[in-house]
N, C-alpha and C. Protein backbone atom coordinates (compact mmCIF):
# COMPACT_ATOMS: atom_id res chain seq x y z
N MET A 1 5.92 4.97 9.50
CA MET A 1 5.06 5.40 8.40
C MET A 1 5.77 6.52 7.64
N PRO A 2 5.85 6.41 6.32
CA PRO A 2 6.55 7.43 5.56
C PRO A 2 5.81 8.76 5.60
N GLY A 3 6.63 9.83 5.53
CA GLY A 3 6.06 11.17 5.50
C GLY A 3 5.46 11.46 4.14
N PRO A 4 4.83 12.62 3.99
CA PRO A 4 4.14 12.96 2.73
C PRO A 4 5.06 12.91 1.51
N GLU A 5 6.25 13.48 1.61
CA GLU A 5 7.15 13.49 0.45
C GLU A 5 7.65 12.09 0.13
N GLU A 6 8.02 11.35 1.16
CA GLU A 6 8.49 9.98 0.96
C GLU A 6 7.37 9.11 0.38
N GLY A 7 6.15 9.34 0.83
CA GLY A 7 5.00 8.61 0.30
C GLY A 7 4.79 8.88 -1.18
N ARG A 8 4.98 10.13 -1.58
CA ARG A 8 4.84 10.47 -3.01
C ARG A 8 5.92 9.79 -3.84
N VAL A 9 7.13 9.74 -3.30
CA VAL A 9 8.23 9.10 -4.02
C VAL A 9 7.95 7.61 -4.20
N VAL A 10 7.50 6.97 -3.13
CA VAL A 10 7.18 5.54 -3.19
C VAL A 10 6.04 5.30 -4.17
N ALA A 11 5.00 6.13 -4.12
CA ALA A 11 3.86 5.98 -5.02
C ALA A 11 4.30 6.15 -6.48
N ALA A 12 5.17 7.13 -6.73
CA ALA A 12 5.65 7.35 -8.10
C ALA A 12 6.43 6.14 -8.61
N LYS A 13 7.27 5.56 -7.74
CA LYS A 13 8.04 4.38 -8.14
C LYS A 13 7.11 3.19 -8.43
N LEU A 14 6.10 3.00 -7.58
CA LEU A 14 5.17 1.90 -7.79
C LEU A 14 4.39 2.07 -9.09
N MET A 15 3.95 3.30 -9.37
CA MET A 15 3.21 3.54 -10.60
C MET A 15 4.10 3.34 -11.83
N GLU A 16 5.36 3.73 -11.71
CA GLU A 16 6.30 3.54 -12.81
C GLU A 16 6.52 2.06 -13.10
N MET A 17 6.56 1.26 -12.04
CA MET A 17 6.80 -0.18 -12.18
C MET A 17 5.56 -0.95 -12.60
N SER A 18 4.39 -0.37 -12.46
CA SER A 18 3.15 -1.12 -12.64
C SER A 18 2.90 -1.57 -14.08
N GLY A 19 3.33 -0.79 -15.05
CA GLY A 19 3.10 -1.17 -16.43
C GLY A 19 1.69 -0.88 -16.92
N ILE A 20 0.90 -0.20 -16.11
CA ILE A 20 -0.46 0.15 -16.50
C ILE A 20 -0.71 1.59 -16.08
N SER A 21 -1.31 2.35 -16.96
CA SER A 21 -1.51 3.77 -16.68
C SER A 21 -2.85 4.01 -15.98
N ALA A 22 -2.97 5.17 -15.39
CA ALA A 22 -4.24 5.55 -14.75
C ALA A 22 -5.36 5.59 -15.78
N ASN A 23 -5.05 6.02 -16.99
CA ASN A 23 -6.04 6.07 -18.05
C ASN A 23 -6.53 4.66 -18.40
N ASP A 24 -5.60 3.70 -18.48
CA ASP A 24 -5.98 2.31 -18.75
C ASP A 24 -6.91 1.77 -17.66
N VAL A 25 -6.58 2.08 -16.42
CA VAL A 25 -7.40 1.62 -15.29
C VAL A 25 -8.79 2.23 -15.37
N ALA A 26 -8.85 3.54 -15.63
CA ALA A 26 -10.14 4.22 -15.72
C ALA A 26 -11.00 3.63 -16.82
N GLN A 27 -10.41 3.39 -17.99
CA GLN A 27 -11.18 2.80 -19.10
C GLN A 27 -11.69 1.42 -18.74
N TYR A 28 -10.85 0.61 -18.11
CA TYR A 28 -11.24 -0.74 -17.73
C TYR A 28 -12.38 -0.71 -16.72
N VAL A 29 -12.26 0.16 -15.72
CA VAL A 29 -13.29 0.26 -14.68
C VAL A 29 -14.61 0.73 -15.28
N LEU A 30 -14.57 1.77 -16.09
CA LEU A 30 -15.80 2.28 -16.69
C LEU A 30 -16.47 1.23 -17.59
N LYS A 31 -15.67 0.53 -18.37
CA LYS A 31 -16.21 -0.49 -19.26
C LYS A 31 -16.89 -1.60 -18.47
N ASN A 32 -16.23 -2.09 -17.42
CA ASN A 32 -16.79 -3.18 -16.64
C ASN A 32 -17.93 -2.74 -15.74
N ALA A 33 -17.87 -1.53 -15.23
CA ALA A 33 -18.99 -1.02 -14.42
C ALA A 33 -20.22 -0.85 -15.30
N GLY A 34 -20.00 -0.43 -16.54
CA GLY A 34 -21.10 -0.29 -17.48
C GLY A 34 -21.77 -1.61 -17.81
N LYS A 35 -21.01 -2.69 -17.71
CA LYS A 35 -21.55 -4.02 -17.95
C LYS A 35 -22.25 -4.58 -16.71
N GLY A 36 -22.14 -3.84 -15.60
CA GLY A 36 -22.78 -4.29 -14.37
C GLY A 36 -21.93 -5.24 -13.54
N ASN A 37 -20.65 -5.33 -13.84
CA ASN A 37 -19.78 -6.20 -13.05
C ASN A 37 -19.62 -5.66 -11.64
N PHE A 38 -19.76 -6.55 -10.67
CA PHE A 38 -19.68 -6.16 -9.27
C PHE A 38 -18.24 -6.03 -8.81
N ARG A 39 -17.41 -7.01 -9.16
CA ARG A 39 -16.00 -6.98 -8.78
C ARG A 39 -15.17 -6.59 -9.99
N ILE A 40 -14.43 -5.52 -9.82
CA ILE A 40 -13.54 -5.07 -10.89
C ILE A 40 -12.14 -5.08 -10.31
N ILE A 41 -11.38 -6.09 -10.68
CA ILE A 41 -10.04 -6.28 -10.12
C ILE A 41 -9.03 -6.24 -11.25
N LEU A 42 -8.05 -5.39 -11.07
CA LEU A 42 -7.05 -5.16 -12.10
C LEU A 42 -5.70 -5.06 -11.43
N PRO A 43 -4.63 -5.55 -11.95
CA PRO A 43 -4.42 -6.25 -13.21
C PRO A 43 -4.69 -7.74 -13.07
N PHE A 44 -4.31 -8.48 -14.09
CA PHE A 44 -4.59 -9.91 -14.14
C PHE A 44 -4.05 -10.63 -12.91
N GLN A 45 -2.84 -10.30 -12.46
CA GLN A 45 -2.24 -11.00 -11.32
C GLN A 45 -3.12 -10.84 -10.08
N ALA A 46 -3.67 -9.67 -9.87
CA ALA A 46 -4.54 -9.45 -8.71
C ALA A 46 -5.84 -10.23 -8.86
N ARG A 47 -6.38 -10.27 -10.07
CA ARG A 47 -7.60 -11.03 -10.33
C ARG A 47 -7.35 -12.52 -10.09
N PHE A 48 -6.19 -13.01 -10.51
CA PHE A 48 -5.82 -14.41 -10.31
C PHE A 48 -5.71 -14.72 -8.81
N LEU A 49 -5.00 -13.87 -8.08
CA LEU A 49 -4.85 -14.09 -6.64
C LEU A 49 -6.19 -14.03 -5.91
N HIS A 50 -7.05 -13.13 -6.33
CA HIS A 50 -8.38 -13.04 -5.72
C HIS A 50 -9.16 -14.34 -5.94
N THR A 51 -9.07 -14.88 -7.14
CA THR A 51 -9.76 -16.12 -7.46
C THR A 51 -9.20 -17.28 -6.65
N VAL A 52 -7.87 -17.37 -6.54
CA VAL A 52 -7.24 -18.43 -5.75
C VAL A 52 -7.66 -18.31 -4.29
N LYS A 53 -7.65 -17.09 -3.76
CA LYS A 53 -8.04 -16.89 -2.36
C LYS A 53 -9.49 -17.29 -2.13
N ARG A 54 -10.35 -16.98 -3.09
CA ARG A 54 -11.78 -17.30 -2.95
C ARG A 54 -12.04 -18.79 -3.05
N LEU A 55 -11.36 -19.47 -4.00
CA LEU A 55 -11.63 -20.89 -4.23
C LEU A 55 -10.77 -21.82 -3.38
N PHE A 56 -9.55 -21.39 -3.07
CA PHE A 56 -8.60 -22.24 -2.33
C PHE A 56 -7.94 -21.43 -1.22
N PRO A 57 -8.69 -21.02 -0.20
CA PRO A 57 -8.12 -20.15 0.83
C PRO A 57 -6.93 -20.76 1.56
N THR A 58 -6.96 -22.05 1.82
CA THR A 58 -5.84 -22.69 2.51
C THR A 58 -4.57 -22.60 1.68
N LEU A 59 -4.67 -22.88 0.40
CA LEU A 59 -3.52 -22.77 -0.50
C LEU A 59 -3.02 -21.33 -0.56
N PHE A 60 -3.93 -20.39 -0.65
CA PHE A 60 -3.56 -18.99 -0.74
C PHE A 60 -2.74 -18.57 0.49
N TYR A 61 -3.23 -18.88 1.68
CA TYR A 61 -2.52 -18.47 2.89
C TYR A 61 -1.22 -19.23 3.08
N TRP A 62 -1.16 -20.47 2.63
CA TRP A 62 0.09 -21.23 2.68
C TRP A 62 1.14 -20.56 1.80
N LEU A 63 0.73 -20.19 0.58
CA LEU A 63 1.65 -19.50 -0.32
C LEU A 63 2.06 -18.14 0.25
N LEU A 64 1.12 -17.43 0.80
CA LEU A 64 1.41 -16.13 1.38
C LEU A 64 2.44 -16.25 2.51
N ASN A 65 2.27 -17.24 3.37
CA ASN A 65 3.23 -17.47 4.46
C ASN A 65 4.60 -17.84 3.94
N ARG A 66 4.65 -18.65 2.89
CA ARG A 66 5.94 -19.02 2.30
C ARG A 66 6.65 -17.81 1.73
N LEU A 67 5.91 -16.99 1.00
CA LEU A 67 6.51 -15.78 0.42
C LEU A 67 6.99 -14.82 1.50
N ALA A 68 6.22 -14.68 2.56
CA ALA A 68 6.62 -13.80 3.66
C ALA A 68 7.89 -14.33 4.34
N ALA A 69 7.98 -15.65 4.52
CA ALA A 69 9.17 -16.24 5.13
C ALA A 69 10.39 -16.05 4.24
N GLN A 70 10.22 -16.21 2.93
CA GLN A 70 11.33 -16.00 2.00
C GLN A 70 11.79 -14.55 2.03
N ARG A 71 10.85 -13.64 2.03
CA ARG A 71 11.19 -12.21 2.07
C ARG A 71 11.91 -11.87 3.37
N GLU A 72 11.45 -12.43 4.47
CA GLU A 72 12.07 -12.19 5.76
C GLU A 72 13.49 -12.75 5.81
N SER A 73 13.69 -13.93 5.21
CA SER A 73 15.03 -14.52 5.21
C SER A 73 16.01 -13.70 4.37
N LEU A 74 15.50 -13.01 3.36
CA LEU A 74 16.36 -12.14 2.55
C LEU A 74 16.80 -10.90 3.32
N ARG A 75 15.98 -10.47 4.28
CA ARG A 75 16.31 -9.29 5.08
C ARG A 75 17.33 -9.59 6.15
N GLN A 76 17.44 -10.84 6.56
CA GLN A 76 18.38 -11.22 7.62
C GLN A 76 19.82 -11.06 7.12
N PRO A 77 20.70 -10.44 7.94
CA PRO A 77 22.10 -10.28 7.51
C PRO A 77 22.87 -11.56 7.55
């Protein structure tokens, strides 16, 4: 588990790569909460994956396992 400083560095890199600011997220959440939306999922890719998992759980886990295997094969020397 990364230490506090390493965790901050990783978080900063992830936020830099995300392409969406904290302000954008806050505006989106407030707007949708005001409309009474129960699930507020951001960004689009996460919303898409949530929908696939909900409607096609077998497909979702199959894809997840494939991606994990590909990632693992890239780590092998």
